């Protein structure tokens, strides 16, 4: 069992930045790809970005390319999502996720083994 704890959400104006963090206290995230998903009210949960266990390969949904950066620290067992140039349409609950072993980086929610409880990101116009 892996517990994932997110932090760093909040309210920001359009054009601003936030950095989300995901920690796994008492667990190791090595050998697992990690991802950030988001879900807005009335919409399905969908992937935002993911990173291979080594950190060498990343995936981003088209709408965040060039604005968001995913990274990980396998020594500290943390994953981060740096979000720049935020837009009102980025407003969602953001979830940290540990993908199942062998899952593709462009993962769907059913490929996730463990979820965090989510952190709210609100971008005002």
Protein backbone atom coordinates (compact mmCIF):
# COMPACT_ATOMS: atom_id res chain seq x y z
CA UNK A 1 0.00 0.00 0.00
CA UNK A 2 1.33 3.44 -0.96
CA UNK A 3 -0.05 6.59 0.64
CA UNK A 4 0.28 9.71 -1.52
CA UNK A 5 -0.04 13.16 0.01
CA UNK A 6 -0.37 16.25 -2.19
CA UNK A 7 0.36 19.84 -1.26
CA UNK A 8 0.81 23.20 -2.96
CA UNK A 9 -2.63 23.92 -4.37
CA UNK A 10 -4.35 27.25 -3.94
CA UNK A 11 -5.83 30.32 -5.58
CA UNK A 12 -3.79 32.21 -8.17
CA UNK A 13 -4.49 34.80 -10.83
CA UNK A 14 -4.24 33.96 -14.49
CA UNK A 15 -0.63 34.05 -15.62
CA UNK A 16 0.61 33.04 -12.20
CA UNK A 17 2.44 29.95 -11.03
CA UNK A 18 2.00 27.14 -8.52
CA UNK A 19 4.13 24.15 -7.60
CA UNK A 20 2.39 20.98 -6.55
CA UNK A 21 4.21 18.37 -4.51
CA UNK A 22 3.43 14.74 -3.82
CA UNK A 23 5.06 12.79 -1.02
CA UNK A 24 4.90 9.11 -0.15
CA UNK A 25 5.70 8.87 3.55
CA UNK A 26 6.97 5.46 4.52
CA UNK A 27 6.94 4.14 0.95
CA UNK A 28 9.22 4.01 -2.03
CA UNK A 29 8.19 5.20 -5.47
CA UNK A 30 11.07 3.63 -7.35
CA UNK A 31 10.18 1.31 -10.22
CA UNK A 32 6.88 3.12 -10.66
CA UNK A 33 5.92 5.77 -13.16
CA UNK A 34 4.12 8.66 -11.49
CA UNK A 35 1.50 11.03 -12.82
CA UNK A 36 -0.68 14.02 -12.11
CA UNK A 37 -4.34 13.89 -13.08
CA UNK A 38 -6.98 16.57 -12.75
CA UNK A 39 -10.73 16.67 -12.53
CA UNK A 40 -12.98 19.70 -12.89
CA UNK A 41 -16.63 19.68 -11.73
CA UNK A 42 -18.78 17.73 -14.15
CA UNK A 43 -15.81 16.43 -16.11
CA UNK A 44 -13.93 13.16 -16.17
CA UNK A 45 -10.60 12.76 -14.44
CA UNK A 46 -7.80 12.98 -17.00
CA UNK A 47 -4.03 12.87 -17.08
CA UNK A 48 -2.02 16.08 -17.06
CA UNK A 49 1.55 14.81 -16.99
CA UNK A 50 3.53 11.70 -16.13
CA UNK A 51 7.14 10.68 -15.58
CA UNK A 52 8.96 7.38 -15.82
CA UNK A 53 10.53 5.85 -12.72
CA UNK A 54 14.00 6.99 -13.86
CA UNK A 55 12.80 10.50 -14.66
CA UNK A 56 14.21 10.27 -18.17
CA UNK A 57 10.87 10.16 -19.98
CA UNK A 58 7.90 12.47 -19.52
CA UNK A 59 4.47 12.88 -21.05
CA UNK A 60 2.26 15.99 -21.14
CA UNK A 61 -1.25 16.52 -22.40
CA UNK A 62 -1.22 19.03 -25.25
CA UNK A 63 -3.00 21.75 -23.28
CA UNK A 64 -0.17 22.07 -20.73
CA UNK A 65 2.90 21.55 -22.92
CA UNK A 66 5.38 24.38 -22.48
CA UNK A 67 3.67 25.55 -19.27
CA UNK A 68 3.87 22.60 -16.85
CA UNK A 69 6.92 20.58 -15.82
CA UNK A 70 6.82 17.29 -13.96
CA UNK A 71 9.84 16.11 -11.97
CA UNK A 72 10.69 13.55 -9.32
CA UNK A 73 13.27 12.93 -6.61
CA UNK A 74 13.64 9.20 -6.00
CA UNK A 75 15.79 9.78 -2.92
CA UNK A 76 13.18 11.94 -1.24
CA UNK A 77 10.29 9.93 -2.72
CA UNK A 78 8.62 13.04 -4.05
CA UNK A 79 7.03 14.12 -7.30
CA UNK A 80 6.42 17.72 -8.33
CA UNK A 81 4.37 19.60 -10.90
CA UNK A 82 5.56 23.12 -11.67
CA UNK A 83 2.69 25.02 -13.27
CA UNK A 84 3.43 28.32 -15.00
CA UNK A 85 1.27 30.71 -17.01
CA UNK A 86 -1.84 29.27 -15.39
CA UNK A 87 -5.18 29.76 -17.12
CA UNK A 88 -8.73 29.71 -15.73
CA UNK A 89 -9.31 26.44 -17.59
CA UNK A 90 -6.59 24.85 -15.44
CA UNK A 91 -8.93 25.13 -12.45
CA UNK A 92 -9.43 21.60 -11.11
CA UNK A 93 -8.67 19.24 -8.30
CA UNK A 94 -5.23 17.81 -9.01
CA UNK A 95 -4.41 14.24 -8.01
CA UNK A 96 -1.05 12.57 -7.62
CA UNK A 97 -1.06 9.00 -8.91
CA UNK A 98 1.21 5.97 -8.88
CA UNK A 99 0.77 4.08 -12.13
CA UNK A 100 0.56 0.34 -12.31
CA UNK A 101 3.72 -1.48 -13.24
CA UNK A 102 4.13 -1.50 -17.01
CA UNK A 103 1.52 1.21 -17.57
CA UNK A 104 1.99 3.60 -20.47
CA UNK A 105 2.82 7.19 -19.59
CA UNK A 106 -0.26 8.42 -21.49
CA UNK A 107 -2.32 6.65 -18.87
CA UNK A 108 -6.05 6.53 -18.22
CA UNK A 109 -7.40 6.55 -14.66
CA UNK A 110 -7.90 2.77 -14.73
CA UNK A 111 -4.11 2.33 -15.04
CA UNK A 112 -3.55 3.93 -11.63
CA UNK A 113 -2.72 1.74 -8.64
CA UNK A 114 -2.71 4.45 -5.97
CA UNK A 115 -4.28 7.89 -5.71
CA UNK A 116 -3.69 10.86 -3.48
CA UNK A 117 -6.68 12.67 -2.00
CA UNK A 118 -6.28 15.69 -4.28
CA UNK A 119 -5.47 19.36 -3.98
CA UNK A 120 -7.59 22.21 -5.33
CA UNK A 121 -6.10 24.61 -7.88
CA UNK A 122 -8.21 27.67 -8.70
CA UNK A 123 -7.14 30.18 -11.34
CA UNK A 124 -9.02 33.46 -11.43
CA UNK A 125 -9.33 35.56 -14.58
